[in-house]
Amino acid sequence: MPQQPAGLIPITTLCLKLLVCYLILPGCSQSPDEEVIKANVEALAEAIESKQTDTAVDFFHDNFVTDKGQDKEWIQRTMLLHTIRHDTIQLLLTNISVELLDEATARASFHVIATGGRGLIPEQGQAYRMETEWRKEGSDWALVFAKWKKALDAQSQTEPVTAQRKQLPV
């Protein structure tokens, strides 16, 4: 086996170190504000699951509104209704993506699977695609806007897909 000059790292070791850096660094690429918003989304889901509606509502800005015109009070009443209706509420968040629009505004989008029921096995469930907007006031980020649609909507599944075919030259 040929001997390497002192101070040189074997190429395989160097490649492995670069690969590890490549795999680890993307997870560290979020800014502190993006990390706070992602943590807020997760904490909001935890508060809803544990039926802490007052804690959950604290994440909402006083001027919160949905794309359908519902406000913060409507959200609170809806959460209370679901806590009464269901003994257990579970939320599974996936694909949380945060984008800073400027220093005081951000957009977070994610998928959520919401289930609820009276026993161990959920009686109801639905998957949603959530789009939210957050505003920074001082050092806190508050939810100012949200819209959602069913991720597995039967209507969107049955709509015909139209595509135009290009005539390929012969």
N, C-alpha and C. Protein backbone atom coordinates (compact mmCIF):
# COMPACT_ATOMS: atom_id res chain seq x y z
N MET A 1 0.85 -1.17 0.00
CA MET A 1 0.00 0.00 0.00
C MET A 1 0.90 1.24 0.00
N PRO A 2 0.64 2.16 -0.94
CA PRO A 2 1.48 3.35 -1.00
C PRO A 2 1.22 4.26 0.20
N GLN A 3 2.28 4.87 0.66
CA GLN A 3 2.18 5.75 1.82
C GLN A 3 1.86 7.17 1.35
N GLN A 4 0.92 7.84 2.09
CA GLN A 4 0.53 9.20 1.74
C GLN A 4 1.43 10.19 2.45
N PRO A 5 1.67 11.32 1.83
CA PRO A 5 2.45 12.35 2.50
C PRO A 5 1.77 12.80 3.79
N ALA A 6 2.57 13.17 4.76
CA ALA A 6 2.04 13.60 6.06
C ALA A 6 1.14 14.81 5.89
N GLY A 7 0.03 14.83 6.63
CA GLY A 7 -0.87 15.98 6.61
C GLY A 7 -1.98 15.87 5.58
N LEU A 8 -1.95 14.89 4.70
CA LEU A 8 -3.01 14.74 3.71
C LEU A 8 -4.05 13.75 4.21
N ILE A 9 -5.33 14.08 4.00
CA ILE A 9 -6.43 13.21 4.41
C ILE A 9 -6.72 12.25 3.26
N PRO A 10 -6.87 10.97 3.56
CA PRO A 10 -7.24 10.04 2.49
C PRO A 10 -8.53 10.50 1.81
N ILE A 11 -8.62 10.31 0.52
CA ILE A 11 -9.74 10.79 -0.28
C ILE A 11 -11.08 10.22 0.20
N THR A 12 -11.10 8.95 0.61
CA THR A 12 -12.36 8.37 1.09
C THR A 12 -12.81 9.04 2.38
N THR A 13 -11.89 9.36 3.28
CA THR A 13 -12.23 10.05 4.52
C THR A 13 -12.76 11.45 4.22
N LEU A 14 -12.12 12.14 3.29
CA LEU A 14 -12.56 13.47 2.90
C LEU A 14 -13.96 13.42 2.30
N CYS A 15 -14.21 12.46 1.43
CA CYS A 15 -15.53 12.31 0.81
C CYS A 15 -16.60 12.03 1.85
N LEU A 16 -16.30 11.17 2.81
CA LEU A 16 -17.25 10.86 3.87
C LEU A 16 -17.56 12.10 4.72
N LYS A 17 -16.54 12.88 5.04
CA LYS A 17 -16.75 14.09 5.83
C LYS A 17 -17.60 15.10 5.05
N LEU A 18 -17.35 15.25 3.77
CA LEU A 18 -18.14 16.17 2.95
C LEU A 18 -19.59 15.70 2.84
N LEU A 19 -19.78 14.39 2.73
CA LEU A 19 -21.13 13.84 2.65
C LEU A 19 -21.89 14.10 3.94
N VAL A 20 -21.25 13.90 5.07
CA VAL A 20 -21.89 14.17 6.37
C VAL A 20 -22.27 15.64 6.46
N CYS A 21 -21.38 16.54 6.08
CA CYS A 21 -21.68 17.97 6.11
C CYS A 21 -22.85 18.30 5.19
N TYR A 22 -22.86 17.69 4.03
CA TYR A 22 -23.94 17.91 3.06
C TYR A 22 -25.27 17.47 3.63
N LEU A 23 -25.30 16.37 4.35
CA LEU A 23 -26.54 15.85 4.91
C LEU A 23 -26.98 16.60 6.16
N ILE A 24 -26.06 17.10 6.95
CA ILE A 24 -26.40 17.77 8.20
C ILE A 24 -26.72 19.25 7.99
N LEU A 25 -25.97 19.94 7.18
CA LEU A 25 -26.12 21.38 7.06
C LEU A 25 -27.49 21.85 6.57
N PRO A 26 -28.17 21.18 5.65
CA PRO A 26 -29.49 21.69 5.25
C PRO A 26 -30.45 21.81 6.43
N GLY A 27 -30.35 20.95 7.42
CA GLY A 27 -31.20 21.03 8.59
C GLY A 27 -30.87 22.24 9.45
N CYS A 28 -29.71 22.80 9.28
CA CYS A 28 -29.29 23.94 10.08
C CYS A 28 -29.43 25.25 9.30
N SER A 29 -29.99 25.20 8.12
CA SER A 29 -30.00 26.37 7.25
C SER A 29 -31.14 27.33 7.56
N GLN A 30 -32.06 26.99 8.44
CA GLN A 30 -33.14 27.90 8.76
C GLN A 30 -32.65 29.01 9.67
N SER A 31 -33.22 30.18 9.47
CA SER A 31 -32.90 31.31 10.33
C SER A 31 -33.58 31.11 11.68
N PRO A 32 -33.14 31.85 12.70
CA PRO A 32 -33.81 31.74 14.00
C PRO A 32 -35.31 32.03 13.92
N ASP A 33 -35.71 33.02 13.11
CA ASP A 33 -37.13 33.33 12.97
C ASP A 33 -37.90 32.16 12.35
N GLU A 34 -37.33 31.53 11.34
CA GLU A 34 -37.98 30.37 10.72
C GLU A 34 -38.12 29.24 11.73
N GLU A 35 -37.11 29.04 12.55
CA GLU A 35 -37.18 28.00 13.58
C GLU A 35 -38.26 28.30 14.61
N VAL A 36 -38.40 29.58 14.98
CA VAL A 36 -39.42 29.99 15.95
C VAL A 36 -40.82 29.73 15.38
N ILE A 37 -41.02 30.08 14.12
CA ILE A 37 -42.34 29.88 13.51
C ILE A 37 -42.66 28.39 13.43
N LYS A 38 -41.70 27.59 13.01
CA LYS A 38 -41.92 26.14 12.95
C LYS A 38 -42.25 25.61 14.35
N ALA A 39 -41.53 26.06 15.36
CA ALA A 39 -41.80 25.64 16.73
C ALA A 39 -43.20 26.11 17.17
N ASN A 40 -43.61 27.30 16.74
CA ASN A 40 -44.96 27.79 17.06
C ASN A 40 -46.04 26.92 16.43
N VAL A 41 -45.84 26.52 15.19
CA VAL A 41 -46.80 25.64 14.51
C VAL A 41 -46.93 24.33 15.30
N GLU A 42 -45.79 23.77 15.69
CA GLU A 42 -45.80 22.51 16.43
C GLU A 42 -46.42 22.68 17.82
N ALA A 43 -46.11 23.80 18.50
CA ALA A 43 -46.67 24.06 19.83
C ALA A 43 -48.18 24.31 19.76
N LEU A 44 -48.62 24.98 18.71
CA LEU A 44 -50.05 25.19 18.50
C LEU A 44 -50.77 23.86 18.35
N ALA A 45 -50.20 22.96 17.56
CA ALA A 45 -50.79 21.63 17.38
C ALA A 45 -50.83 20.87 18.71
N GLU A 46 -49.76 20.98 19.49
CA GLU A 46 -49.72 20.30 20.80
C GLU A 46 -50.79 20.86 21.74
N ALA A 47 -50.99 22.18 21.72
CA ALA A 47 -52.01 22.79 22.58
C ALA A 47 -53.41 22.32 22.18
N ILE A 48 -53.65 22.20 20.87
CA ILE A 48 -54.95 21.72 20.40
C ILE A 48 -55.15 20.27 20.81
N GLU A 49 -54.12 19.43 20.63
CA GLU A 49 -54.22 18.02 21.02
C GLU A 49 -54.50 17.86 22.50
N SER A 50 -53.89 18.70 23.33
CA SER A 50 -54.07 18.57 24.78
C SER A 50 -55.26 19.39 25.27
N LYS A 51 -56.04 19.94 24.32
CA LYS A 51 -57.28 20.67 24.61
C LYS A 51 -57.04 21.93 25.45
N GLN A 52 -55.89 22.53 25.29
CA GLN A 52 -55.56 23.79 25.97
C GLN A 52 -55.91 24.94 25.02
N THR A 53 -57.22 25.21 24.89
CA THR A 53 -57.66 26.18 23.89
C THR A 53 -57.15 27.59 24.19
N ASP A 54 -57.04 27.96 25.47
CA ASP A 54 -56.51 29.29 25.79
C ASP A 54 -55.06 29.44 25.34
N THR A 55 -54.28 28.38 25.54
CA THR A 55 -52.89 28.39 25.08
C THR A 55 -52.84 28.45 23.56
N ALA A 56 -53.69 27.67 22.91
CA ALA A 56 -53.72 27.66 21.44
C ALA A 56 -54.09 29.02 20.88
N VAL A 57 -55.09 29.66 21.47
CA VAL A 57 -55.56 30.96 20.98
C VAL A 57 -54.50 32.04 21.16
N ASP A 58 -53.61 31.88 22.13
CA ASP A 58 -52.53 32.85 22.34
C ASP A 58 -51.61 32.98 21.12
N PHE A 59 -51.56 31.96 20.26
CA PHE A 59 -50.73 32.03 19.05
C PHE A 59 -51.34 32.91 17.97
N PHE A 60 -52.65 33.22 18.09
CA PHE A 60 -53.37 33.98 17.08
C PHE A 60 -53.30 35.48 17.36
N HIS A 61 -53.05 36.24 16.31
CA HIS A 61 -53.06 37.70 16.39
C HIS A 61 -54.50 38.16 16.63
N ASP A 62 -54.67 39.30 17.28
CA ASP A 62 -56.02 39.82 17.52
C ASP A 62 -56.78 40.08 16.22
N ASN A 63 -56.06 40.41 15.16
CA ASN A 63 -56.69 40.68 13.86
C ASN A 63 -56.67 39.46 12.93
N PHE A 64 -56.54 38.27 13.50
CA PHE A 64 -56.51 37.04 12.70
C PHE A 64 -57.78 36.92 11.86
N VAL A 65 -57.60 36.39 10.65
CA VAL A 65 -58.72 36.13 9.76
C VAL A 65 -58.37 34.95 8.85
N THR A 66 -59.40 34.22 8.45
CA THR A 66 -59.20 33.13 7.49
C THR A 66 -59.60 33.63 6.10
N ASP A 67 -59.34 32.82 5.11
CA ASP A 67 -59.73 33.18 3.75
C ASP A 67 -61.25 33.24 3.59
N LYS A 68 -61.98 32.65 4.53
CA LYS A 68 -63.46 32.66 4.49
C LYS A 68 -64.03 33.76 5.39
N GLY A 69 -63.18 34.55 6.05
CA GLY A 69 -63.62 35.65 6.88
C GLY A 69 -63.82 35.33 8.34
N GLN A 70 -63.50 34.10 8.78
CA GLN A 70 -63.62 33.77 10.19
C GLN A 70 -62.51 34.45 10.98
N ASP A 71 -62.84 34.82 12.22
CA ASP A 71 -61.87 35.54 13.04
C ASP A 71 -61.38 34.69 14.21
N LYS A 72 -60.62 35.32 15.09
CA LYS A 72 -60.02 34.64 16.24
C LYS A 72 -61.09 34.04 17.15
N GLU A 73 -62.19 34.75 17.38
CA GLU A 73 -63.27 34.22 18.21
C GLU A 73 -63.90 32.98 17.60
N TRP A 74 -64.07 32.97 16.29
CA TRP A 74 -64.62 31.80 15.61
C TRP A 74 -63.69 30.60 15.80
N ILE A 75 -62.39 30.84 15.66
CA ILE A 75 -61.41 29.77 15.87
C ILE A 75 -61.53 29.21 17.29
N GLN A 76 -61.63 30.10 18.27
CA GLN A 76 -61.73 29.65 19.66
C GLN A 76 -63.00 28.83 19.88
N ARG A 77 -64.14 29.30 19.36
CA ARG A 77 -65.40 28.56 19.51
C ARG A 77 -65.32 27.19 18.83
N THR A 78 -64.69 27.15 17.66
CA THR A 78 -64.56 25.89 16.93
C THR A 78 -63.67 24.91 17.69
N MET A 79 -62.57 25.40 18.25
CA MET A 79 -61.71 24.52 19.05
C MET A 79 -62.46 23.99 20.27
N LEU A 80 -63.23 24.86 20.95
CA LEU A 80 -64.00 24.42 22.11
C LEU A 80 -65.01 23.35 21.71
N LEU A 81 -65.67 23.54 20.59
CA LEU A 81 -66.64 22.56 20.11
C LEU A 81 -65.99 21.19 19.91
N HIS A 82 -64.82 21.19 19.28
CA HIS A 82 -64.13 19.92 19.03
C HIS A 82 -63.61 19.28 20.32
N THR A 83 -63.23 20.09 21.31
CA THR A 83 -62.78 19.50 22.57
C THR A 83 -63.94 18.86 23.32
N ILE A 84 -65.14 19.39 23.14
CA ILE A 84 -66.32 18.79 23.76
C ILE A 84 -66.74 17.53 23.01
N ARG A 85 -66.68 17.60 21.69
CA ARG A 85 -67.14 16.51 20.83
C ARG A 85 -66.23 15.29 20.88
N HIS A 86 -64.93 15.50 21.06
CA HIS A 86 -63.96 14.41 20.96
C HIS A 86 -63.16 14.28 22.26
N ASP A 87 -63.10 13.07 22.79
CA ASP A 87 -62.26 12.81 23.96
C ASP A 87 -60.78 12.92 23.60
N THR A 88 -60.46 12.47 22.39
CA THR A 88 -59.07 12.55 21.92
C THR A 88 -59.02 13.29 20.60
N ILE A 89 -58.04 14.15 20.49
CA ILE A 89 -57.76 14.88 19.24
C ILE A 89 -56.29 14.64 18.94
N GLN A 90 -56.02 14.23 17.72
CA GLN A 90 -54.63 14.02 17.32
C GLN A 90 -54.36 14.77 16.02
N LEU A 91 -53.20 15.40 15.96
CA LEU A 91 -52.77 16.14 14.78
C LEU A 91 -51.39 15.65 14.38
N LEU A 92 -51.26 15.25 13.15
CA LEU A 92 -49.98 14.84 12.60
C LEU A 92 -49.57 15.87 11.57
N LEU A 93 -48.48 16.59 11.85
CA LEU A 93 -47.98 17.62 10.95
C LEU A 93 -46.87 17.05 10.08
N THR A 94 -46.89 17.37 8.80
CA THR A 94 -45.81 16.96 7.90
C THR A 94 -45.48 18.11 6.95
N ASN A 95 -44.30 18.03 6.41
CA ASN A 95 -43.83 18.98 5.37
C ASN A 95 -43.98 20.44 5.80
N ILE A 96 -43.55 20.76 7.00
CA ILE A 96 -43.63 22.15 7.46
C ILE A 96 -42.56 22.95 6.71
N SER A 97 -43.02 23.98 6.03
CA SER A 97 -42.13 24.83 5.26
C SER A 97 -42.36 26.28 5.67
N VAL A 98 -41.28 26.99 6.01
CA VAL A 98 -41.39 28.38 6.44
C VAL A 98 -40.59 29.25 5.48
N GLU A 99 -41.23 30.34 5.06
CA GLU A 99 -40.58 31.29 4.15
C GLU A 99 -40.72 32.69 4.74
N LEU A 100 -39.59 33.35 4.99
CA LEU A 100 -39.63 34.73 5.46
C LEU A 100 -39.89 35.64 4.26
N LEU A 101 -40.95 36.44 4.34
CA LEU A 101 -41.28 37.37 3.26
C LEU A 101 -40.55 38.69 3.45
N ASP A 102 -40.41 39.11 4.69
CA ASP A 102 -39.58 40.25 5.08
C ASP A 102 -39.25 40.06 6.55
N GLU A 103 -38.70 41.09 7.20
CA GLU A 103 -38.26 40.89 8.59
C GLU A 103 -39.41 40.73 9.58
N ALA A 104 -40.64 41.07 9.17
CA ALA A 104 -41.77 40.97 10.11
C ALA A 104 -42.93 40.13 9.58
N THR A 105 -42.76 39.47 8.45
CA THR A 105 -43.84 38.67 7.86
C THR A 105 -43.26 37.36 7.34
N ALA A 106 -43.98 36.29 7.60
CA ALA A 106 -43.54 34.98 7.13
C ALA A 106 -44.74 34.14 6.74
N ARG A 107 -44.48 33.17 5.90
CA ARG A 107 -45.51 32.23 5.47
C ARG A 107 -45.06 30.83 5.87
N ALA A 108 -45.98 30.08 6.48
CA ALA A 108 -45.71 28.68 6.83
C ALA A 108 -46.79 27.81 6.19
N SER A 109 -46.36 26.78 5.51
CA SER A 109 -47.32 25.84 4.91
C SER A 109 -46.95 24.45 5.38
N PHE A 110 -47.97 23.60 5.47
CA PHE A 110 -47.76 22.25 5.96
C PHE A 110 -49.00 21.41 5.69
N HIS A 111 -48.84 20.12 5.84
CA HIS A 111 -49.96 19.18 5.79
C HIS A 111 -50.29 18.79 7.22
N VAL A 112 -51.56 18.57 7.48
CA VAL A 112 -51.97 18.09 8.80
C VAL A 112 -53.04 17.02 8.61
N ILE A 113 -52.88 15.95 9.35
CA ILE A 113 -53.92 14.93 9.43
C ILE A 113 -54.54 15.08 10.81
N ALA A 114 -55.82 15.43 10.84
CA ALA A 114 -56.53 15.65 12.10
C ALA A 114 -57.51 14.50 12.32
N THR A 115 -57.44 13.89 13.51
CA THR A 115 -58.37 12.82 13.87
C THR A 115 -58.95 13.10 15.24
N GLY A 116 -60.14 12.56 15.46
CA GLY A 116 -60.77 12.73 16.76
C GLY A 116 -61.76 11.61 17.02
N GLY A 117 -62.05 11.38 18.29
CA GLY A 117 -63.00 10.34 18.64
C GLY A 117 -63.20 10.25 20.14
N ARG A 118 -64.01 9.30 20.51
CA ARG A 118 -64.34 9.11 21.93
C ARG A 118 -63.44 8.06 22.58
N GLY A 119 -62.83 7.21 21.79
CA GLY A 119 -62.00 6.16 22.36
C GLY A 119 -60.61 6.17 21.79
N LEU A 120 -59.99 5.01 21.87
CA LEU A 120 -58.62 4.87 21.39
C LEU A 120 -58.54 5.00 19.87
N ILE A 121 -59.54 4.46 19.17
CA ILE A 121 -59.54 4.49 17.71
C ILE A 121 -60.32 5.72 17.25
N PRO A 122 -59.71 6.56 16.39
CA PRO A 122 -60.40 7.76 15.92
C PRO A 122 -61.68 7.41 15.15
N GLU A 123 -62.70 8.22 15.36
CA GLU A 123 -63.97 8.04 14.67
C GLU A 123 -64.06 8.93 13.43
N GLN A 124 -63.31 10.03 13.44
CA GLN A 124 -63.32 10.96 12.33
C GLN A 124 -61.89 11.36 12.01
N GLY A 125 -61.67 11.73 10.77
CA GLY A 125 -60.35 12.21 10.39
C GLY A 125 -60.37 12.87 9.03
N GLN A 126 -59.43 13.75 8.81
CA GLN A 126 -59.33 14.46 7.54
C GLN A 126 -57.90 14.97 7.37
N ALA A 127 -57.42 14.96 6.16
CA ALA A 127 -56.11 15.52 5.83
C ALA A 127 -56.32 16.89 5.18
N TYR A 128 -55.51 17.86 5.60
CA TYR A 128 -55.62 19.21 5.08
C TYR A 128 -54.26 19.72 4.62
N ARG A 129 -54.29 20.65 3.68
CA ARG A 129 -53.13 21.43 3.27
C ARG A 129 -53.34 22.82 3.84
N MET A 130 -52.44 23.24 4.73
CA MET A 130 -52.57 24.52 5.43
C MET A 130 -51.60 25.55 4.85
N GLU A 131 -52.09 26.76 4.70
CA GLU A 131 -51.27 27.91 4.32
C GLU A 131 -51.50 28.97 5.40
N THR A 132 -50.45 29.40 6.07
CA THR A 132 -50.59 30.37 7.15
C THR A 132 -49.64 31.54 6.95
N GLU A 133 -50.02 32.67 7.53
CA GLU A 133 -49.14 33.84 7.51
C GLU A 133 -48.95 34.31 8.95
N TRP A 134 -47.72 34.65 9.26
CA TRP A 134 -47.33 35.05 10.61
C TRP A 134 -46.75 36.46 10.56
N ARG A 135 -47.00 37.23 11.64
CA ARG A 135 -46.47 38.58 11.74
C ARG A 135 -45.69 38.71 13.05
N LYS A 136 -44.54 39.36 12.94
CA LYS A 136 -43.69 39.56 14.11
C LYS A 136 -44.02 40.90 14.75
N GLU A 137 -44.27 40.85 16.05
CA GLU A 137 -44.49 42.07 16.83
C GLU A 137 -43.56 42.00 18.03
N GLY A 138 -42.58 42.87 18.04
CA GLY A 138 -41.53 42.79 19.04
C GLY A 138 -40.69 41.56 18.75
N SER A 139 -40.66 40.64 19.69
CA SER A 139 -39.89 39.40 19.46
C SER A 139 -40.81 38.20 19.25
N ASP A 140 -42.13 38.42 19.27
CA ASP A 140 -43.09 37.32 19.14
C ASP A 140 -43.69 37.26 17.74
N TRP A 141 -43.93 36.04 17.28
CA TRP A 141 -44.60 35.80 16.01
C TRP A 141 -46.04 35.37 16.29
N ALA A 142 -47.01 36.01 15.63
CA ALA A 142 -48.42 35.69 15.82
C ALA A 142 -49.04 35.30 14.49
N LEU A 143 -49.97 34.38 14.54
CA LEU A 143 -50.68 33.89 13.35
C LEU A 143 -51.74 34.93 12.96
N VAL A 144 -51.64 35.48 11.73
CA VAL A 144 -52.56 36.52 11.29
C VAL A 144 -53.52 36.05 10.21
N PHE A 145 -53.18 34.96 9.51
CA PHE A 145 -54.02 34.51 8.41
C PHE A 145 -53.85 33.01 8.23
N ALA A 146 -54.94 32.34 7.87
CA ALA A 146 -54.86 30.91 7.56
C ALA A 146 -55.91 30.54 6.52
N LYS A 147 -55.51 29.64 5.67
CA LYS A 147 -56.48 29.02 4.76
C LYS A 147 -56.10 27.55 4.65
N TRP A 148 -57.10 26.74 4.40
CA TRP A 148 -56.86 25.31 4.32
C TRP A 148 -57.82 24.71 3.32
N LYS A 149 -57.40 23.59 2.79
CA LYS A 149 -58.28 22.81 1.93
C LYS A 149 -58.02 21.34 2.20
N LYS A 150 -59.02 20.55 1.94
CA LYS A 150 -58.87 19.13 2.15
C LYS A 150 -57.82 18.60 1.18
N ALA A 151 -56.89 17.85 1.72
CA ALA A 151 -55.80 17.33 0.89
C ALA A 151 -56.26 16.18 0.02
N LEU A 152 -57.28 15.47 0.45
CA LEU A 152 -57.79 14.32 -0.30
C LEU A 152 -59.23 14.57 -0.73
N ASP A 153 -59.49 15.75 -1.24
CA ASP A 153 -60.84 16.13 -1.66
C ASP A 153 -61.27 15.29 -2.85
N ALA A 154 -62.41 14.64 -2.75
CA ALA A 154 -62.91 13.76 -3.81
C ALA A 154 -63.13 14.53 -5.11
N GLN A 155 -63.57 15.78 -5.01
CA GLN A 155 -63.82 16.57 -6.21
C GLN A 155 -62.53 16.81 -6.99
N SER A 156 -61.46 17.13 -6.28
CA SER A 156 -60.19 17.39 -6.98
C SER A 156 -59.61 16.10 -7.55
N GLN A 157 -59.99 14.95 -6.98
CA GLN A 157 -59.50 13.67 -7.47
C GLN A 157 -60.20 13.25 -8.76
N THR A 158 -61.47 13.72 -8.94
CA THR A 158 -62.23 13.26 -10.09
C THR A 158 -62.26 14.25 -11.24
N GLU A 159 -61.74 15.45 -11.04
CA GLU A 159 -61.71 16.42 -12.12
C GLU A 159 -60.79 15.92 -13.23
N PRO A 160 -61.25 16.04 -14.48
CA PRO A 160 -60.43 15.54 -15.58
C PRO A 160 -59.16 16.37 -15.74
N VAL A 161 -58.10 15.71 -16.03
CA VAL A 161 -56.84 16.38 -16.28
C VAL A 161 -56.74 16.61 -17.78
N THR A 162 -56.58 17.84 -18.16
CA THR A 162 -56.48 18.15 -19.57
C THR A 162 -55.05 18.53 -19.90
N ALA A 163 -54.57 17.95 -20.93
CA ALA A 163 -53.21 18.24 -21.38
C ALA A 163 -53.23 18.38 -22.88
N GLN A 164 -52.43 19.28 -23.35
CA GLN A 164 -52.34 19.45 -24.80
C GLN A 164 -51.15 18.66 -25.29
N ARG A 165 -51.40 17.90 -26.32
CA ARG A 165 -50.30 17.12 -26.91
C ARG A 165 -49.67 17.92 -28.03
N LYS A 166 -48.37 17.87 -28.04
CA LYS A 166 -47.64 18.51 -29.14
C LYS A 166 -47.42 17.47 -30.21
N GLN A 167 -47.56 17.89 -31.40
CA GLN A 167 -47.28 17.00 -32.53
C GLN A 167 -45.77 16.93 -32.70
N LEU A 168 -45.24 15.75 -32.57
CA LEU A 168 -43.80 15.57 -32.73
C LEU A 168 -43.46 15.49 -34.21
N PRO A 169 -42.35 16.09 -34.59
CA PRO A 169 -41.93 15.99 -36.01
C PRO A 169 -41.58 14.54 -36.35
N VAL A 170 -41.96 14.19 -37.53
CA VAL A 170 -41.69 12.81 -37.99
C VAL A 170 -40.35 12.69 -38.65
